[in-house]
Amino acid sequence: MDNFFELQENHTNTSREILAGVTTFFAMSYILFVNPSVLSQTGMPSQAVFLATIVASVIGTAFMGLFANVPYALAPGMGLNAFFTYTVVFALGFKWQEALALVFICGLINITITVTKVRKMIITAIPEALQHAMGAGIGVFVAYIGLKNANILQFTSDASSIATINEKPYSAAATHFKGGVTSVVSNGGIVPALVNFTQSGALLALIGLFIAIILVVKKVPGAIILTIILTTIIGIPMGVTNLHLASANSLGNAFHQLGTTFGAAFGNPGMGSLFSSTGRLPLVLMTIFAFSFSDTFDTLGTFIGTGRRTGIFSDKDMSDMENGKGFSSKMDKALFADSIATSIGAIFGTSNTTTYVESSAGIGAGGRTGLTSVTVAVLFLISALFAPIISIVPTQAIAPALILVGIEMLGSFKNIDWTDITAAIPAFMASIFMGLCYNISYGIAAAFITYCLIKLITGKAKDVHPILWVVTILFVANFVVLAII
């Protein structure tokens, strides 16, 4: 095992890698329960989605670890599953089988642009300063996820700031909502504030944060996973850790329903009906484009943001990627491993499978090789049997770990010249804006657009790599597509 995963060469050991895998798993295990909840609204059987989520995560993560030997975990992406449900199915009128077909095609596109080295060319075209900013941006994003999950912040919106309720325009005259209120969208009028800590959940998260700070500062081995365990235990008498074992998500129920979603992407409705109408073809192509673009840059942002700072993708590895042929570097292999997962997930019945930013939790716990990923894959496999037990761990126990990991990633800020406004603006977009808009792809898009704009107005347009110009134009086109659909 040591030789296969090159543990000594990566300055790590088996126990550290396993602990890192456990940390990553618990940081992202919420997807086991959230993904079925989101996708089942389209009419997909919830238990089938539950098992498809596990299968896609196990295959994608195991392949990442065994083939690329890097500590990244994959699962159906948050945001992409919401796009699948609320935009593709609800707003655009695609059947869920057709939406799975769109996801499968997106996966094939990802494989194509990886094999043809388009993804690699994009990475090498990104200026080093922006890569450092993206690394810090991932840190801001991860820490903000932790703060949000901790329920330490509350957000207040007056009636004039509410844009939609249940995906429909808000009317002050409306007093009743069929099925209750399921979602509320507010504009810039929403105001964040610190909670008063009378809620036991927020108080538990604060206690967990203090525990995490003490353990990390004292450099206690396994500090992150210890924080999760101790906070979960403390949450029992506080009433936050729920010891009631629900049996809704079980392996038997899941296998019973999987036949409905497995291969549904290739039936009719599905791939057979997707291209049956030439009038709908532009909408189909635009939707595939939106899926692929978001999926691609979410992954690139995660790899660049976490890999460069930690040394997972060293300067030598980046050089091998740029100058080598085939799968000559870790980055080449990692990009390919990520690209195949989406199509596999679509076959079983789930939305786009992507590399999780929560992998940074395991990396922060010391994970440096594929053994971390394999550990995550094994835990996902076991979760098919023990999902009710896994659900005991509250989000407030995970939140402190994410906050600390995010803070540790902010060190990349030191490599940015903030006194140079022409460098500071794109760096701000790739870091602070990325976290605040809660979207890796949008942060990268804002950074690319402002970077190219500044180079253009300062007469240095030739300094921008041609590929970066193309990607920036495609980002603008993507926003136009999203506005249209």
Foldseek 3Di string as FASTA:
>chain_A
DCVQLVQVVLVHDLVLLLLLLVLLLLLPVCCLVVFLVLQCVLVADSLLLSVLQLVLFLQLLLLLFNFLWFLWTKTFDPVQSNCLRCPVCPPVPARNLASLLLLLVLLVVLLVCLQVCVLLVVLVQDDPLLLLLLLLQLLLQLLLVLVVQLPQKDKDADPVFWQDWPSHGDDPPDDDDVVDTDDTDGPPRIDMDGDPPPDLSNVLLVVLLVQLVVCVVVVPASSLVVSLVVSLVVCPVSVQQDPDQDDPNALVVNVVSQVVQAQSCVDVVHPVVNPVDVVCVVVSVLVSLLSNLQQSQLQVSLCSNQCDVLVLCDPVLSVCSVPPDDCRHSVSSSSNSQSNSSNSSSNRHGHGMHTDSSSLLSVLSPNRTSSSSNSNSVVSVCCNHVVSVSVSRRSSSSSSSSSVSSVVSNVSVVVFDCVDVLRVQLSCLSHVVCNVVSGNSRSNLSSLLSNCVSCVVVVNNVVRDPSSVVVNVSSVVSVVSVVVD
